[in-house]
């Protein structure tokens, strides 16, 4: 009996993997970046905590909304649209000029 060593690629799962990475990267990237910059931008530790809580609250409130949307129109369009929106808003954030002190 001969065993097959065929590797099956699943490119249709790429948006799902990318969404999982971006979710983890976004949450931890924001915490790390803001944590390093809070003193430079004049934030207190309380303001930093509120910002992270707001980020988490948005995630908790929007997951059911986008879950219901993906049930109606499909998972792939919702994930791809979310990734595109994340990329667009990240680009906008990167292009915002730095405040001078």
C-alpha atoms as a PDB file:
ATOM      1  CA  UNK A   1       0.000   0.000   0.000  1.00  0.00           C
ATOM      2  CA  UNK A   2       1.392   3.393  -0.987  1.00  0.00           C
ATOM      3  CA  UNK A   3       0.689   6.481   1.103  1.00  0.00           C
ATOM      4  CA  UNK A   4       0.109   9.745  -0.631  1.00  0.00           C
ATOM      5  CA  UNK A   5       2.027  12.749   0.623  1.00  0.00           C
ATOM      6  CA  UNK A   6      -0.047  15.345  -1.170  1.00  0.00           C
ATOM      7  CA  UNK A   7      -0.270  18.684   0.568  1.00  0.00           C
ATOM      8  CA  UNK A   8      -3.657  20.275   0.204  1.00  0.00           C
ATOM      9  CA  UNK A   9      -3.608  24.033   0.026  1.00  0.00           C
ATOM     10  CA  UNK A  10      -6.648  25.959   1.043  1.00  0.00           C
ATOM     11  CA  UNK A  11      -6.310  29.456  -0.403  1.00  0.00           C
ATOM     12  CA  UNK A  12      -9.979  30.099   0.291  1.00  0.00           C
ATOM     13  CA  UNK A  13      -9.115  30.127   4.009  1.00  0.00           C
ATOM     14  CA  UNK A  14      -6.498  32.871   3.607  1.00  0.00           C
ATOM     15  CA  UNK A  15      -8.907  35.719   4.523  1.00  0.00           C
ATOM     16  CA  UNK A  16      -9.863  33.862   7.695  1.00  0.00           C
ATOM     17  CA  UNK A  17      -6.237  33.398   8.715  1.00  0.00           C
ATOM     18  CA  UNK A  18      -5.461  37.014   7.865  1.00  0.00           C
ATOM     19  CA  UNK A  19      -8.452  38.228   9.883  1.00  0.00           C
ATOM     20  CA  UNK A  20      -7.306  36.227  12.899  1.00  0.00           C
ATOM     21  CA  UNK A  21      -3.818  37.673  12.622  1.00  0.00           C
ATOM     22  CA  UNK A  22      -5.077  41.225  12.170  1.00  0.00           C
ATOM     23  CA  UNK A  23      -7.397  40.965  15.160  1.00  0.00           C
ATOM     24  CA  UNK A  24      -4.593  39.834  17.448  1.00  0.00           C
ATOM     25  CA  UNK A  25      -2.119  42.264  15.901  1.00  0.00           C
ATOM     26  CA  UNK A  26      -4.538  45.176  16.167  1.00  0.00           C
ATOM     27  CA  UNK A  27      -5.383  44.666  19.805  1.00  0.00           C
ATOM     28  CA  UNK A  28      -1.832  44.047  20.974  1.00  0.00           C
ATOM     29  CA  UNK A  29      -0.282  46.556  18.593  1.00  0.00           C
ATOM     30  CA  UNK A  30      -2.466  49.347  19.903  1.00  0.00           C
ATOM     31  CA  UNK A  31      -1.692  48.463  23.505  1.00  0.00           C
ATOM     32  CA  UNK A  32       2.047  48.333  22.868  1.00  0.00           C
ATOM     33  CA  UNK A  33       2.195  51.486  20.757  1.00  0.00           C
ATOM     34  CA  UNK A  34       0.048  53.575  23.065  1.00  0.00           C
ATOM     35  CA  UNK A  35       1.802  52.229  26.133  1.00  0.00           C
ATOM     36  CA  UNK A  36       5.113  53.427  24.783  1.00  0.00           C
ATOM     37  CA  UNK A  37       3.753  56.818  23.706  1.00  0.00           C
ATOM     38  CA  UNK A  38       1.355  57.797  26.520  1.00  0.00           C
ATOM     39  CA  UNK A  39       3.809  60.134  28.185  1.00  0.00           C
ATOM     40  CA  UNK A  40       4.833  61.721  24.879  1.00  0.00           C
ATOM     41  CA  UNK A  41       1.233  62.487  23.884  1.00  0.00           C
ATOM     42  CA  UNK A  42       0.297  63.755  27.333  1.00  0.00           C
ATOM     43  CA  UNK A  43      -2.028  60.954  28.373  1.00  0.00           C
ATOM     44  CA  UNK A  44      -2.509  59.744  31.889  1.00  0.00           C
ATOM     45  CA  UNK A  45      -2.612  56.077  32.719  1.00  0.00           C
ATOM     46  CA  UNK A  46      -6.378  56.457  33.169  1.00  0.00           C
ATOM     47  CA  UNK A  47      -6.815  57.827  29.625  1.00  0.00           C
ATOM     48  CA  UNK A  48      -4.727  54.948  28.295  1.00  0.00           C
ATOM     49  CA  UNK A  49      -6.937  52.467  30.157  1.00  0.00           C
ATOM     50  CA  UNK A  50     -10.111  54.090  28.830  1.00  0.00           C
ATOM     51  CA  UNK A  51      -8.776  53.895  25.282  1.00  0.00           C
ATOM     52  CA  UNK A  52      -8.076  50.179  25.586  1.00  0.00           C
ATOM     53  CA  UNK A  53     -11.487  49.640  27.212  1.00  0.00           C
ATOM     54  CA  UNK A  54     -13.151  51.503  24.336  1.00  0.00           C
ATOM     55  CA  UNK A  55     -11.345  49.282  21.839  1.00  0.00           C
ATOM     56  CA  UNK A  56     -12.525  46.163  23.681  1.00  0.00           C
ATOM     57  CA  UNK A  57     -16.076  47.506  24.033  1.00  0.00           C
ATOM     58  CA  UNK A  58     -16.291  48.163  20.299  1.00  0.00           C
ATOM     59  CA  UNK A  59     -15.163  44.608  19.630  1.00  0.00           C
ATOM     60  CA  UNK A  60     -17.725  43.136  22.037  1.00  0.00           C
ATOM     61  CA  UNK A  61     -20.589  45.216  20.627  1.00  0.00           C
ATOM     62  CA  UNK A  62     -19.750  44.742  16.958  1.00  0.00           C
ATOM     63  CA  UNK A  63     -19.050  40.996  16.927  1.00  0.00           C
ATOM     64  CA  UNK A  64     -22.752  40.053  17.102  1.00  0.00           C
ATOM     65  CA  UNK A  65     -23.603  42.658  14.455  1.00  0.00           C
ATOM     66  CA  UNK A  66     -21.033  41.373  11.987  1.00  0.00           C
ATOM     67  CA  UNK A  67     -21.825  37.783  12.936  1.00  0.00           C
ATOM     68  CA  UNK A  68     -25.458  38.328  11.952  1.00  0.00           C
ATOM     69  CA  UNK A  69     -24.351  40.090   8.774  1.00  0.00           C
ATOM     70  CA  UNK A  70     -22.090  37.185   7.845  1.00  0.00           C
ATOM     71  CA  UNK A  71     -25.004  34.789   8.408  1.00  0.00           C
ATOM     72  CA  UNK A  72     -27.032  36.782   5.884  1.00  0.00           C
ATOM     73  CA  UNK A  73     -24.484  37.508   3.147  1.00  0.00           C
ATOM     74  CA  UNK A  74     -21.711  35.024   3.868  1.00  0.00           C
ATOM     75  CA  UNK A  75     -18.549  34.956   5.917  1.00  0.00           C
ATOM     76  CA  UNK A  76     -16.060  35.706   3.165  1.00  0.00           C
ATOM     77  CA  UNK A  77     -17.487  39.103   2.071  1.00  0.00           C
ATOM     78  CA  UNK A  78     -17.674  40.290   5.677  1.00  0.00           C
ATOM     79  CA  UNK A  79     -14.103  39.217   6.459  1.00  0.00           C
ATOM     80  CA  UNK A  80     -12.710  40.712   3.254  1.00  0.00           C
ATOM     81  CA  UNK A  81     -14.605  43.983   3.812  1.00  0.00           C
ATOM     82  CA  UNK A  82     -13.332  44.127   7.398  1.00  0.00           C
ATOM     83  CA  UNK A  83      -9.753  43.565   6.294  1.00  0.00           C
ATOM     84  CA  UNK A  84     -10.046  46.256   3.629  1.00  0.00           C
ATOM     85  CA  UNK A  85     -11.551  48.705   6.127  1.00  0.00           C
ATOM     86  CA  UNK A  86      -8.800  47.907   8.645  1.00  0.00           C
ATOM     87  CA  UNK A  87      -6.140  48.488   5.982  1.00  0.00           C
ATOM     88  CA  UNK A  88      -7.739  51.745   4.851  1.00  0.00           C
ATOM     89  CA  UNK A  89      -8.060  53.171   8.357  1.00  0.00           C
ATOM     90  CA  UNK A  90      -4.542  52.014   9.229  1.00  0.00           C
ATOM     91  CA  UNK A  91      -3.232  53.877   6.175  1.00  0.00           C
ATOM     92  CA  UNK A  92      -5.142  56.995   7.211  1.00  0.00           C
ATOM     93  CA  UNK A  93      -3.696  56.711  10.718  1.00  0.00           C
ATOM     94  CA  UNK A  94      -0.181  56.314   9.345  1.00  0.00           C
ATOM     95  CA  UNK A  95      -0.567  59.410   7.166  1.00  0.00           C
ATOM     96  CA  UNK A  96      -1.793  61.719   9.944  1.00  0.00           C
ATOM     97  CA  UNK A  97       0.949  64.237  10.645  1.00  0.00           C
ATOM     98  CA  UNK A  98       2.626  64.018  14.037  1.00  0.00           C
ATOM     99  CA  UNK A  99       1.827  66.677  16.599  1.00  0.00           C
ATOM    100  CA  UNK A 100       4.728  68.844  17.504  1.00  0.00           C
ATOM    101  CA  UNK A 101       5.191  69.604  21.168  1.00  0.00           C
END
